N, C-alpha and C. Protein backbone atom coordinates (compact mmCIF):
# COMPACT_ATOMS: atom_id res chain seq x y z
N MET A 1 61.17 -29.85 -15.64
CA MET A 1 59.85 -30.37 -15.35
C MET A 1 59.58 -31.25 -14.38
N ALA A 2 59.31 -31.16 -13.39
CA ALA A 2 59.07 -32.32 -12.17
C ALA A 2 57.86 -33.48 -12.80
N MET A 3 58.13 -34.35 -12.85
CA MET A 3 57.64 -35.53 -13.11
C MET A 3 57.96 -37.03 -12.25
N GLU A 4 56.90 -37.23 -11.56
CA GLU A 4 56.87 -38.76 -11.00
C GLU A 4 56.15 -39.58 -11.41
N LEU A 5 56.68 -41.01 -11.60
CA LEU A 5 55.97 -42.08 -12.05
C LEU A 5 54.72 -42.38 -11.02
N ASP A 6 53.70 -42.37 -11.70
CA ASP A 6 52.48 -42.40 -11.14
C ASP A 6 52.11 -43.90 -11.13
N HIS A 7 51.82 -44.31 -12.19
CA HIS A 7 51.13 -45.70 -12.33
C HIS A 7 51.78 -46.60 -13.88
N LEU A 8 51.91 -47.86 -13.67
CA LEU A 8 52.39 -48.68 -14.84
C LEU A 8 51.04 -49.44 -15.40
N VAL A 9 50.91 -49.01 -16.90
CA VAL A 9 49.51 -49.49 -17.46
C VAL A 9 49.53 -51.00 -17.87
N VAL A 10 49.18 -51.80 -17.41
CA VAL A 10 48.33 -53.48 -17.92
C VAL A 10 47.53 -53.37 -18.53
N GLY A 11 47.66 -53.68 -20.02
CA GLY A 11 46.38 -54.20 -20.71
C GLY A 11 45.98 -55.48 -20.70
N ALA A 12 44.47 -55.79 -20.72
CA ALA A 12 44.05 -57.18 -20.70
C ALA A 12 42.77 -57.05 -21.69
N ALA A 13 42.70 -58.53 -22.42
CA ALA A 13 41.56 -58.34 -23.30
C ALA A 13 40.26 -58.35 -22.58
N SER A 14 40.02 -58.55 -21.47
CA SER A 14 39.12 -58.70 -20.27
C SER A 14 39.67 -58.58 -18.95
N LEU A 15 38.89 -57.77 -18.15
CA LEU A 15 39.27 -57.67 -16.59
C LEU A 15 39.49 -59.04 -16.20
N GLU A 16 38.95 -60.41 -16.61
CA GLU A 16 38.78 -61.13 -15.86
C GLU A 16 40.45 -61.91 -16.36
N GLU A 17 40.64 -61.71 -17.15
CA GLU A 17 42.06 -62.14 -17.57
C GLU A 17 42.90 -61.63 -17.11
N GLY A 18 42.91 -60.06 -17.09
CA GLY A 18 43.68 -59.20 -16.11
C GLY A 18 44.04 -59.84 -14.66
N VAL A 19 42.46 -60.17 -13.73
CA VAL A 19 42.85 -60.88 -12.89
C VAL A 19 43.43 -61.75 -12.47
N ALA A 20 43.24 -62.98 -13.53
CA ALA A 20 44.17 -63.91 -13.69
C ALA A 20 45.71 -63.57 -13.97
N TRP A 21 45.65 -62.82 -14.82
CA TRP A 21 47.54 -62.58 -14.91
C TRP A 21 47.75 -61.98 -13.65
N CYS A 22 47.16 -61.15 -13.11
CA CYS A 22 47.79 -60.65 -11.79
C CYS A 22 47.77 -61.51 -10.67
N GLU A 23 46.94 -62.57 -10.69
CA GLU A 23 47.42 -63.63 -9.71
C GLU A 23 48.32 -64.97 -10.00
N GLN A 24 48.65 -64.99 -11.35
CA GLN A 24 49.54 -65.49 -11.82
C GLN A 24 50.94 -65.44 -11.37
N GLN A 25 51.07 -63.41 -12.03
CA GLN A 25 52.22 -63.16 -12.03
C GLN A 25 52.89 -63.15 -10.50
N PHE A 26 51.81 -62.10 -9.95
CA PHE A 26 52.16 -61.79 -8.51
C PHE A 26 51.70 -62.48 -7.10
N GLY A 27 50.66 -63.41 -7.61
CA GLY A 27 50.06 -64.34 -6.29
C GLY A 27 48.87 -63.58 -5.35
N VAL A 28 48.76 -62.48 -6.09
CA VAL A 28 47.34 -61.56 -5.06
C VAL A 28 46.64 -61.06 -6.17
N SER A 29 45.40 -60.66 -5.63
CA SER A 29 44.42 -59.81 -6.61
C SER A 29 44.23 -58.68 -6.38
N PRO A 30 43.69 -58.08 -7.39
CA PRO A 30 43.85 -56.64 -8.08
C PRO A 30 42.72 -56.28 -7.43
N MET A 31 42.40 -54.94 -6.94
CA MET A 31 41.16 -54.11 -6.21
C MET A 31 40.11 -53.80 -7.42
N PRO A 32 39.03 -53.82 -6.96
CA PRO A 32 38.16 -53.15 -8.20
C PRO A 32 38.39 -51.55 -8.42
N GLY A 33 38.46 -51.15 -9.61
CA GLY A 33 38.34 -49.82 -9.78
C GLY A 33 37.21 -49.17 -10.42
N GLY A 34 36.70 -49.25 -11.60
CA GLY A 34 35.71 -48.54 -12.24
C GLY A 34 35.89 -48.35 -13.57
N LYS A 35 34.99 -47.50 -14.29
CA LYS A 35 34.30 -47.46 -15.34
C LYS A 35 35.18 -46.17 -16.07
N HIS A 36 35.44 -46.13 -17.47
CA HIS A 36 35.91 -44.61 -17.61
C HIS A 36 34.88 -44.33 -18.62
N ALA A 37 33.67 -43.61 -18.40
CA ALA A 37 32.72 -43.50 -19.62
C ALA A 37 33.50 -43.11 -21.10
N LEU A 38 33.81 -41.79 -20.54
CA LEU A 38 34.80 -41.23 -21.81
C LEU A 38 35.42 -42.28 -22.89
N MET A 39 35.96 -43.44 -22.45
CA MET A 39 36.85 -44.05 -23.38
C MET A 39 35.86 -45.30 -23.20
N GLY A 40 35.21 -45.93 -22.99
CA GLY A 40 34.70 -47.32 -22.68
C GLY A 40 35.57 -48.27 -22.45
N THR A 41 35.88 -47.74 -21.44
CA THR A 41 37.14 -48.88 -20.35
C THR A 41 36.50 -48.97 -19.57
N HIS A 42 37.30 -49.88 -18.42
CA HIS A 42 37.20 -50.09 -17.09
C HIS A 42 38.36 -50.65 -16.67
N ASN A 43 38.66 -50.69 -14.92
CA ASN A 43 39.91 -50.97 -14.62
C ASN A 43 39.86 -51.83 -13.25
N LEU A 44 41.04 -52.28 -13.02
CA LEU A 44 41.35 -52.98 -11.64
C LEU A 44 42.59 -52.41 -11.46
N LEU A 45 42.64 -52.11 -9.87
CA LEU A 45 44.15 -51.59 -9.57
C LEU A 45 44.92 -52.17 -8.10
N LEU A 46 46.01 -52.12 -8.44
CA LEU A 46 47.01 -52.90 -7.40
C LEU A 46 48.01 -51.79 -6.96
N ASN A 47 48.13 -51.39 -5.67
CA ASN A 47 48.96 -50.89 -5.01
C ASN A 47 50.44 -51.36 -5.07
N ILE A 48 51.72 -50.49 -5.60
CA ILE A 48 52.72 -51.26 -5.57
C ILE A 48 53.75 -50.23 -5.05
N SER A 49 53.24 -49.27 -4.42
CA SER A 49 54.33 -48.13 -3.45
C SER A 49 55.31 -48.89 -3.01
N SER A 50 56.12 -48.26 -2.75
CA SER A 50 57.58 -48.42 -1.97
C SER A 50 58.13 -47.29 -1.60
N ASP A 51 58.98 -47.41 -0.83
CA ASP A 51 59.66 -46.47 -0.51
C ASP A 51 60.28 -45.32 -1.34
N ALA A 52 60.71 -45.79 -2.21
CA ALA A 52 61.37 -45.65 -3.46
C ALA A 52 60.33 -44.66 -4.60
N TYR A 53 58.88 -45.62 -4.59
CA TYR A 53 58.08 -45.02 -5.47
C TYR A 53 57.03 -44.66 -4.77
N PRO A 54 56.70 -43.71 -3.96
CA PRO A 54 55.55 -43.79 -2.88
C PRO A 54 54.22 -43.44 -3.69
N ARG A 55 53.02 -43.32 -3.67
CA ARG A 55 51.64 -43.40 -4.26
C ARG A 55 51.78 -43.48 -5.57
N CYS A 56 52.34 -45.18 -6.06
CA CYS A 56 52.38 -45.52 -7.19
C CYS A 56 51.43 -46.72 -7.03
N TYR A 57 51.13 -47.12 -8.48
CA TYR A 57 50.04 -48.30 -8.50
C TYR A 57 50.02 -48.99 -9.94
N LEU A 58 49.52 -50.24 -9.94
CA LEU A 58 49.71 -50.69 -11.49
C LEU A 58 47.90 -50.67 -11.85
N GLU A 59 47.77 -50.56 -12.98
CA GLU A 59 46.24 -50.33 -13.43
C GLU A 59 46.15 -51.59 -14.45
N ILE A 60 45.09 -52.35 -14.25
CA ILE A 60 45.20 -53.26 -15.15
C ILE A 60 43.83 -52.65 -16.09
N ILE A 61 43.71 -52.62 -17.11
CA ILE A 61 42.74 -52.20 -18.03
C ILE A 61 42.57 -52.84 -19.53
N ALA A 62 40.94 -52.49 -19.88
CA ALA A 62 40.37 -53.42 -20.76
C ALA A 62 39.32 -52.73 -21.15
N ILE A 63 38.98 -53.16 -22.25
CA ILE A 63 37.75 -52.80 -23.09
C ILE A 63 36.71 -53.08 -22.18
N ASP A 64 35.40 -52.14 -22.06
CA ASP A 64 34.28 -52.59 -21.46
C ASP A 64 33.39 -52.81 -22.36
N PRO A 65 32.72 -54.05 -22.45
CA PRO A 65 31.71 -55.02 -23.20
C PRO A 65 30.52 -54.36 -23.29
N GLU A 66 30.29 -53.65 -22.01
CA GLU A 66 29.01 -53.39 -21.89
C GLU A 66 28.81 -51.74 -22.33
N ALA A 67 30.16 -51.04 -22.37
CA ALA A 67 29.79 -49.70 -22.83
C ALA A 67 29.93 -49.29 -24.17
N PRO A 68 29.24 -48.12 -24.61
CA PRO A 68 28.97 -47.64 -25.92
C PRO A 68 30.39 -47.26 -26.31
N PRO A 69 30.61 -47.75 -27.81
CA PRO A 69 31.96 -47.07 -28.11
C PRO A 69 32.26 -45.57 -27.70
N PRO A 70 33.18 -45.30 -27.52
CA PRO A 70 33.55 -44.02 -27.25
C PRO A 70 33.34 -43.17 -28.68
N THR A 71 33.40 -41.85 -28.47
CA THR A 71 33.13 -41.32 -29.94
C THR A 71 34.68 -40.47 -30.11
N ARG A 72 35.68 -41.03 -29.46
CA ARG A 72 37.21 -40.61 -29.64
C ARG A 72 38.05 -42.20 -29.50
N ALA A 73 39.23 -42.02 -30.07
CA ALA A 73 40.15 -43.28 -30.23
C ALA A 73 40.39 -43.53 -28.47
N ARG A 74 40.25 -44.90 -28.15
CA ARG A 74 40.74 -44.98 -26.77
C ARG A 74 42.12 -44.78 -26.64
N TRP A 75 42.12 -44.56 -25.19
CA TRP A 75 43.83 -44.44 -24.95
C TRP A 75 44.83 -45.72 -24.56
N PHE A 76 46.00 -45.06 -24.57
CA PHE A 76 46.95 -46.48 -25.07
C PHE A 76 46.96 -47.49 -25.83
N ASP A 77 46.65 -46.88 -26.76
CA ASP A 77 46.45 -47.62 -28.28
C ASP A 77 45.66 -49.17 -28.20
N LEU A 78 44.54 -48.97 -27.08
CA LEU A 78 43.57 -50.21 -27.52
C LEU A 78 42.60 -50.40 -28.44
N ASP A 79 42.57 -49.61 -29.06
CA ASP A 79 41.77 -49.38 -30.51
C ASP A 79 42.62 -49.97 -31.58
N GLN A 80 43.82 -50.20 -31.39
CA GLN A 80 44.89 -50.54 -32.42
C GLN A 80 44.91 -51.84 -32.81
N PRO A 81 44.72 -52.83 -33.88
CA PRO A 81 44.87 -53.95 -34.11
C PRO A 81 45.54 -54.75 -33.45
N ALA A 82 47.22 -53.99 -33.91
CA ALA A 82 48.14 -54.82 -33.12
C ALA A 82 48.27 -55.25 -31.82
N LEU A 83 47.97 -53.98 -30.91
CA LEU A 83 47.96 -54.40 -29.16
C LEU A 83 46.54 -55.10 -29.08
N GLN A 84 45.43 -55.11 -29.90
CA GLN A 84 44.54 -56.01 -29.47
C GLN A 84 44.54 -57.49 -29.85
N ALA A 85 45.70 -57.67 -30.78
CA ALA A 85 46.34 -59.14 -31.41
C ALA A 85 46.76 -59.47 -30.20
N ALA A 86 47.85 -58.64 -29.83
CA ALA A 86 48.63 -59.26 -28.63
C ALA A 86 47.75 -59.62 -27.43
N LEU A 87 46.98 -58.51 -26.93
CA LEU A 87 46.35 -58.87 -25.58
C LEU A 87 45.39 -59.94 -25.76
N SER A 88 44.89 -60.53 -27.03
CA SER A 88 44.29 -61.52 -27.10
C SER A 88 44.72 -63.03 -26.81
N GLN A 89 46.14 -63.03 -26.87
CA GLN A 89 47.13 -63.71 -26.71
C GLN A 89 47.47 -63.87 -24.96
N ARG A 90 47.97 -62.61 -24.49
CA ARG A 90 48.03 -62.50 -23.17
C ARG A 90 47.91 -60.97 -22.73
N ALA A 91 47.65 -60.89 -21.36
CA ALA A 91 47.72 -59.64 -20.46
C ALA A 91 49.44 -59.27 -20.51
N GLY A 92 49.55 -57.78 -20.59
CA GLY A 92 51.02 -57.45 -20.07
C GLY A 92 51.07 -56.05 -19.93
N LEU A 93 52.08 -55.67 -19.58
CA LEU A 93 52.47 -54.44 -19.82
C LEU A 93 52.89 -53.32 -21.16
N ILE A 94 51.72 -52.20 -20.86
CA ILE A 94 51.87 -51.38 -22.16
C ILE A 94 52.28 -50.05 -22.34
N HIS A 95 52.33 -49.54 -20.91
CA HIS A 95 52.38 -48.28 -21.11
C HIS A 95 52.76 -47.51 -19.24
N TRP A 96 53.39 -46.20 -19.34
CA TRP A 96 53.17 -45.80 -18.00
C TRP A 96 52.71 -44.66 -18.03
N VAL A 97 52.30 -44.03 -16.89
CA VAL A 97 51.72 -42.51 -16.55
C VAL A 97 52.72 -41.69 -15.52
N ALA A 98 52.92 -40.51 -15.80
CA ALA A 98 53.75 -39.54 -14.77
C ALA A 98 52.83 -38.60 -14.45
N ARG A 99 52.89 -38.66 -13.51
CA ARG A 99 52.45 -37.33 -12.66
C ARG A 99 53.19 -35.75 -12.69
N VAL A 100 52.28 -34.88 -12.74
CA VAL A 100 52.85 -33.70 -13.01
C VAL A 100 52.21 -32.56 -12.27
N PRO A 101 52.33 -31.64 -11.56
CA PRO A 101 52.23 -30.61 -10.70
C PRO A 101 51.15 -29.82 -11.71
N SER A 102 51.25 -29.25 -12.87
CA SER A 102 50.79 -28.88 -13.57
C SER A 102 50.76 -29.21 -15.17
N LEU A 103 49.56 -29.74 -15.68
CA LEU A 103 49.69 -30.64 -16.93
C LEU A 103 49.64 -29.73 -17.80
N GLU A 104 49.09 -28.37 -17.97
CA GLU A 104 49.36 -27.20 -18.66
C GLU A 104 50.62 -26.97 -19.51
N ALA A 105 51.31 -26.64 -18.11
CA ALA A 105 53.09 -26.64 -18.27
C ALA A 105 53.81 -27.69 -19.00
N ALA A 106 53.38 -28.95 -18.11
CA ALA A 106 54.11 -29.82 -18.93
C ALA A 106 53.89 -29.99 -20.45
N LEU A 107 52.64 -29.83 -20.63
CA LEU A 107 52.45 -30.04 -22.25
C LEU A 107 52.96 -28.69 -22.86
N ALA A 108 53.22 -27.64 -22.53
CA ALA A 108 53.68 -26.14 -23.36
C ALA A 108 55.16 -26.84 -23.45
N GLN A 109 55.51 -27.31 -22.47
CA GLN A 109 56.91 -27.82 -22.72
C GLN A 109 57.23 -28.45 -23.67
N TRP A 110 56.49 -29.68 -23.71
CA TRP A 110 56.97 -30.55 -24.59
C TRP A 110 56.32 -30.23 -26.03
N ARG A 111 55.49 -29.35 -26.08
CA ARG A 111 55.21 -28.83 -27.55
C ARG A 111 56.18 -27.67 -27.82
N GLY A 112 57.31 -27.34 -27.00
CA GLY A 112 58.24 -26.69 -27.39
C GLY A 112 59.64 -27.32 -28.03
N GLU A 113 59.48 -28.38 -27.62
CA GLU A 113 60.46 -29.63 -27.84
C GLU A 113 59.82 -30.62 -29.16
N GLY A 114 58.75 -30.15 -29.61
CA GLY A 114 58.10 -30.92 -30.57
C GLY A 114 57.48 -32.42 -30.28
N VAL A 115 57.36 -32.77 -29.25
CA VAL A 115 56.33 -33.33 -28.85
C VAL A 115 54.89 -33.41 -28.56
N ASP A 116 54.02 -34.06 -29.29
CA ASP A 116 52.41 -33.49 -29.20
C ASP A 116 52.36 -34.82 -28.31
N ALA A 117 51.94 -34.44 -27.50
CA ALA A 117 51.52 -35.50 -26.20
C ALA A 117 50.00 -35.34 -26.00
N GLY A 118 49.25 -34.37 -26.72
CA GLY A 118 47.74 -34.17 -26.89
C GLY A 118 47.02 -32.96 -25.90
N VAL A 119 46.22 -33.19 -25.79
CA VAL A 119 45.50 -31.60 -24.92
C VAL A 119 45.17 -32.26 -23.61
N ALA A 120 44.94 -31.42 -22.75
CA ALA A 120 44.53 -31.71 -21.10
C ALA A 120 43.00 -32.15 -21.30
N VAL A 121 42.42 -33.11 -20.67
CA VAL A 121 41.14 -33.89 -20.26
C VAL A 121 40.71 -33.79 -19.38
N ALA A 122 39.60 -33.38 -19.07
CA ALA A 122 39.24 -33.88 -17.57
C ALA A 122 38.52 -35.07 -17.28
N ALA A 123 38.69 -36.22 -16.47
CA ALA A 123 37.92 -37.13 -16.25
C ALA A 123 37.88 -37.13 -14.52
N THR A 124 36.64 -37.99 -14.58
CA THR A 124 36.40 -38.50 -13.14
C THR A 124 36.08 -39.90 -12.99
N ARG A 125 35.97 -40.21 -11.83
CA ARG A 125 35.70 -41.64 -11.39
C ARG A 125 35.01 -41.85 -9.82
N GLY A 126 34.24 -42.21 -9.43
CA GLY A 126 33.91 -41.69 -7.90
C GLY A 126 34.57 -40.79 -7.66
N ALA A 127 35.33 -40.35 -6.33
CA ALA A 127 35.62 -39.31 -5.43
C ALA A 127 36.72 -38.70 -6.34
N LEU A 128 37.32 -39.45 -7.21
CA LEU A 128 39.00 -38.83 -7.85
C LEU A 128 38.24 -37.98 -9.25
N SER A 129 39.34 -37.47 -9.29
CA SER A 129 39.07 -36.46 -10.40
C SER A 129 40.38 -36.19 -11.02
N TRP A 130 41.18 -35.98 -12.21
CA TRP A 130 42.23 -35.45 -12.58
C TRP A 130 41.68 -35.19 -14.04
N ARG A 131 43.01 -34.62 -14.47
CA ARG A 131 43.17 -34.37 -16.32
C ARG A 131 44.26 -34.98 -16.34
N ILE A 132 44.15 -35.55 -17.83
CA ILE A 132 44.96 -36.39 -18.42
C ILE A 132 45.29 -36.14 -19.80
N ALA A 133 46.56 -36.08 -20.28
CA ALA A 133 46.75 -35.34 -21.60
C ALA A 133 46.58 -36.40 -22.68
N LEU A 134 45.85 -36.19 -23.56
CA LEU A 134 45.42 -37.37 -24.57
C LEU A 134 45.29 -37.04 -26.16
N ARG A 135 45.73 -37.48 -26.79
CA ARG A 135 45.90 -37.62 -27.78
C ARG A 135 44.49 -37.74 -28.78
N GLU A 136 44.38 -37.16 -29.97
CA GLU A 136 43.05 -37.57 -30.65
C GLU A 136 43.10 -39.02 -31.18
N ASP A 137 44.40 -39.56 -31.54
CA ASP A 137 44.50 -40.91 -32.35
C ASP A 137 44.54 -41.76 -31.27
N GLY A 138 44.46 -41.50 -29.91
CA GLY A 138 45.03 -42.41 -28.84
C GLY A 138 46.25 -43.19 -28.67
N ARG A 139 47.05 -42.68 -29.40
CA ARG A 139 48.64 -43.66 -29.43
C ARG A 139 49.38 -43.28 -28.13
N ARG A 140 49.90 -44.01 -27.80
CA ARG A 140 51.15 -44.11 -26.78
C ARG A 140 52.36 -43.23 -27.43
N LEU A 141 52.93 -42.61 -26.98
CA LEU A 141 53.93 -41.63 -27.33
C LEU A 141 55.65 -42.57 -26.98
N ARG A 142 55.85 -43.08 -27.97
CA ARG A 142 57.03 -43.90 -28.18
C ARG A 142 58.22 -43.08 -27.94
N ARG A 143 58.23 -41.89 -28.51
CA ARG A 143 59.99 -41.32 -28.55
C ARG A 143 60.23 -41.30 -27.04
N GLU A 144 61.53 -41.89 -27.05
CA GLU A 144 62.22 -41.92 -25.66
C GLU A 144 61.18 -42.23 -24.46
N GLY A 145 60.45 -43.44 -25.11
CA GLY A 145 59.34 -43.96 -24.12
C GLY A 145 58.65 -42.86 -23.21
N LEU A 146 58.35 -41.64 -23.75
CA LEU A 146 57.50 -40.74 -22.97
C LEU A 146 56.36 -41.37 -22.61
N PRO A 147 55.70 -41.06 -21.45
CA PRO A 147 54.57 -41.22 -20.74
C PRO A 147 53.34 -40.31 -20.97
N VAL A 148 52.30 -41.09 -20.34
CA VAL A 148 51.15 -40.19 -20.75
C VAL A 148 51.02 -39.23 -19.39
N LEU A 149 50.56 -37.85 -19.28
CA LEU A 149 50.72 -36.94 -18.38
C LEU A 149 49.57 -36.68 -17.84
N ILE A 150 49.38 -36.89 -16.38
CA ILE A 150 48.39 -36.80 -15.41
C ILE A 150 48.50 -35.79 -14.45
N GLU A 151 47.37 -34.80 -14.10
CA GLU A 151 47.59 -34.22 -13.03
C GLU A 151 46.16 -34.57 -12.18
N TRP A 152 46.44 -34.74 -11.01
CA TRP A 152 45.25 -35.51 -9.98
C TRP A 152 44.81 -34.48 -9.26
N GLY A 153 43.55 -34.35 -8.73
CA GLY A 153 43.14 -33.14 -8.09
C GLY A 153 43.32 -33.57 -6.43
N ALA A 154 42.38 -33.73 -5.50
CA ALA A 154 42.51 -33.27 -4.16
C ALA A 154 42.90 -35.09 -3.53
N ALA A 155 42.50 -36.08 -4.58
CA ALA A 155 42.49 -37.41 -4.35
C ALA A 155 43.81 -38.30 -4.89
N HIS A 156 43.97 -39.14 -4.46
CA HIS A 156 45.07 -39.94 -5.37
C HIS A 156 44.32 -41.59 -4.66
N PRO A 157 44.57 -42.33 -6.45
CA PRO A 157 44.36 -43.54 -6.16
C PRO A 157 44.76 -44.26 -4.66
N CYS A 158 45.98 -44.23 -4.33
CA CYS A 158 46.81 -44.97 -3.52
C CYS A 158 46.08 -44.40 -2.16
N ASP A 159 45.41 -43.35 -2.26
CA ASP A 159 44.76 -43.00 -0.98
C ASP A 159 43.92 -44.09 -0.35
N ALA A 160 43.30 -44.71 -0.86
CA ALA A 160 41.91 -45.64 -0.94
C ALA A 160 42.62 -47.40 -0.73
N LEU A 161 43.68 -47.39 -1.54
CA LEU A 161 44.36 -48.69 -1.90
C LEU A 161 45.36 -49.19 -0.62
N PRO A 162 44.66 -50.47 -0.08
CA PRO A 162 45.72 -51.13 0.62
C PRO A 162 46.81 -51.53 0.29
N ALA A 163 47.67 -51.89 0.88
CA ALA A 163 49.12 -52.63 0.88
C ALA A 163 48.74 -53.73 0.10
N SER A 164 49.55 -54.08 -1.04
CA SER A 164 49.26 -55.50 -1.76
C SER A 164 50.27 -56.53 -1.50
N GLY A 165 50.99 -56.33 -1.08
CA GLY A 165 52.43 -57.20 -0.58
C GLY A 165 53.25 -56.88 -2.17
N VAL A 166 52.94 -56.37 -3.26
CA VAL A 166 53.93 -56.01 -4.07
C VAL A 166 54.43 -54.66 -4.10
N GLN A 167 55.55 -54.50 -4.36
CA GLN A 167 56.47 -53.17 -4.16
C GLN A 167 57.51 -52.89 -5.31
N LEU A 168 57.14 -51.76 -6.20
CA LEU A 168 57.91 -51.46 -7.40
C LEU A 168 59.35 -51.37 -6.55
N GLN A 169 60.47 -51.83 -7.02
CA GLN A 169 61.60 -51.93 -6.91
C GLN A 169 62.45 -51.01 -7.87
N SER A 170 62.38 -51.06 -9.18
CA SER A 170 63.04 -50.30 -10.11
C SER A 170 62.22 -50.25 -11.44
N TRP A 171 62.58 -49.09 -12.14
CA TRP A 171 61.68 -49.45 -13.78
C TRP A 171 62.55 -48.21 -14.55
N GLU A 172 62.71 -48.75 -15.64
CA GLU A 172 63.39 -47.73 -16.61
C GLU A 172 62.35 -47.98 -18.06
N ALA A 173 62.47 -46.74 -18.77
CA ALA A 173 61.71 -46.36 -19.63
C ALA A 173 62.43 -45.83 -21.07
N ARG A 174 63.70 -46.54 -21.32
CA ARG A 174 64.48 -45.92 -22.23
C ARG A 174 64.43 -46.60 -23.40
N ASP A 175 64.84 -47.63 -23.86
CA ASP A 175 64.85 -48.84 -24.78
C ASP A 175 63.70 -49.33 -24.73
N GLY A 176 62.87 -49.71 -23.92
CA GLY A 176 61.66 -50.20 -23.67
C GLY A 176 61.37 -50.41 -22.19
N LEU A 177 60.13 -50.30 -21.96
CA LEU A 177 59.91 -50.27 -20.88
C LEU A 177 59.84 -51.76 -19.73
N THR A 178 60.38 -51.47 -18.82
CA THR A 178 60.58 -52.38 -17.86
C THR A 178 60.49 -52.09 -16.41
N ALA A 179 60.06 -53.11 -15.54
CA ALA A 179 59.86 -52.80 -14.10
C ALA A 179 60.29 -53.93 -13.44
N THR A 180 60.85 -53.87 -12.08
CA THR A 180 61.08 -54.89 -11.64
C THR A 180 60.37 -54.89 -9.88
N LEU A 181 59.63 -55.69 -9.86
CA LEU A 181 58.61 -55.75 -8.54
C LEU A 181 59.33 -56.59 -7.66
N LEU A 182 59.17 -56.36 -6.58
CA LEU A 182 59.10 -57.24 -5.22
C LEU A 182 57.75 -58.13 -5.26
N THR A 183 57.43 -59.39 -5.23
CA THR A 183 56.00 -60.14 -4.78
C THR A 183 55.97 -60.92 -3.65
N PRO A 184 55.35 -61.67 -3.34
CA PRO A 184 55.00 -62.50 -2.07
C PRO A 184 55.79 -63.81 -3.09
N ARG A 185 55.90 -63.71 -4.37
CA ARG A 185 56.62 -64.82 -5.18
C ARG A 185 58.07 -64.64 -5.09
N GLY A 186 58.79 -63.64 -4.90
CA GLY A 186 59.96 -63.15 -5.28
C GLY A 186 59.93 -62.17 -6.02
N GLU A 187 60.97 -61.69 -6.69
CA GLU A 187 61.30 -60.75 -7.47
C GLU A 187 60.90 -61.06 -8.57
N LEU A 188 60.11 -60.01 -9.63
CA LEU A 188 59.68 -60.58 -11.11
C LEU A 188 60.20 -59.07 -12.00
N LYS A 189 60.17 -59.32 -13.19
CA LYS A 189 60.22 -58.40 -14.04
C LYS A 189 59.20 -58.35 -15.04
N LEU A 190 58.71 -57.71 -15.45
CA LEU A 190 58.00 -56.67 -16.38
C LEU A 190 58.60 -56.21 -17.65
N GLU A 191 58.69 -56.45 -18.68
CA GLU A 191 58.70 -56.06 -19.86
C GLU A 191 57.78 -55.60 -20.85
N LEU A 192 57.72 -54.64 -21.75
CA LEU A 192 56.94 -54.12 -22.54
C LEU A 192 55.92 -55.24 -23.48
N LEU A 193 54.76 -55.35 -23.40
CA LEU A 193 54.54 -56.56 -24.38
C LEU A 193 54.50 -55.91 -25.72
N ALA A 194 53.77 -55.09 -26.06
CA ALA A 194 53.95 -54.58 -27.40
C ALA A 194 53.71 -53.18 -27.68
């Protein structure tokens, strides 16, 4: 199955804390993202594309205090008490999302291998539209560091994101998620928060 790193997910207790984390870690500010009505979350974005990882970004996500509670569990374990406790201490890397050309085909392949990655759910935000695999329980896949799968429509967030001065150099998702980035403050390694 053709699968590419699409974006890294950083969780934060609030978007304000996410901005502070980004500025402290990288020396740059993230760009406004938007709201996810389906999940009761909102985000900020930072382009981390590089020659090795084109069309790649970092998403800082938090529960939107102004949104009504969703009718389903939020993605990336954001409703789980253990992750909420960790994020109350500090923002950090919590997961990754992989881009696939056919979400249905990817989900069928994983089901054949005994992996429940959820079902395809359509979502939109502004000019962006995508289909994403969501589990009913909102839990992240731990087995072999498997990502959430996404299939984008005609536009991708990086199409409208300016260069940030931060570039992804390498990443690994085997025994725990790690990412090495080149920033205005030098090389930085991020490791999975929780």
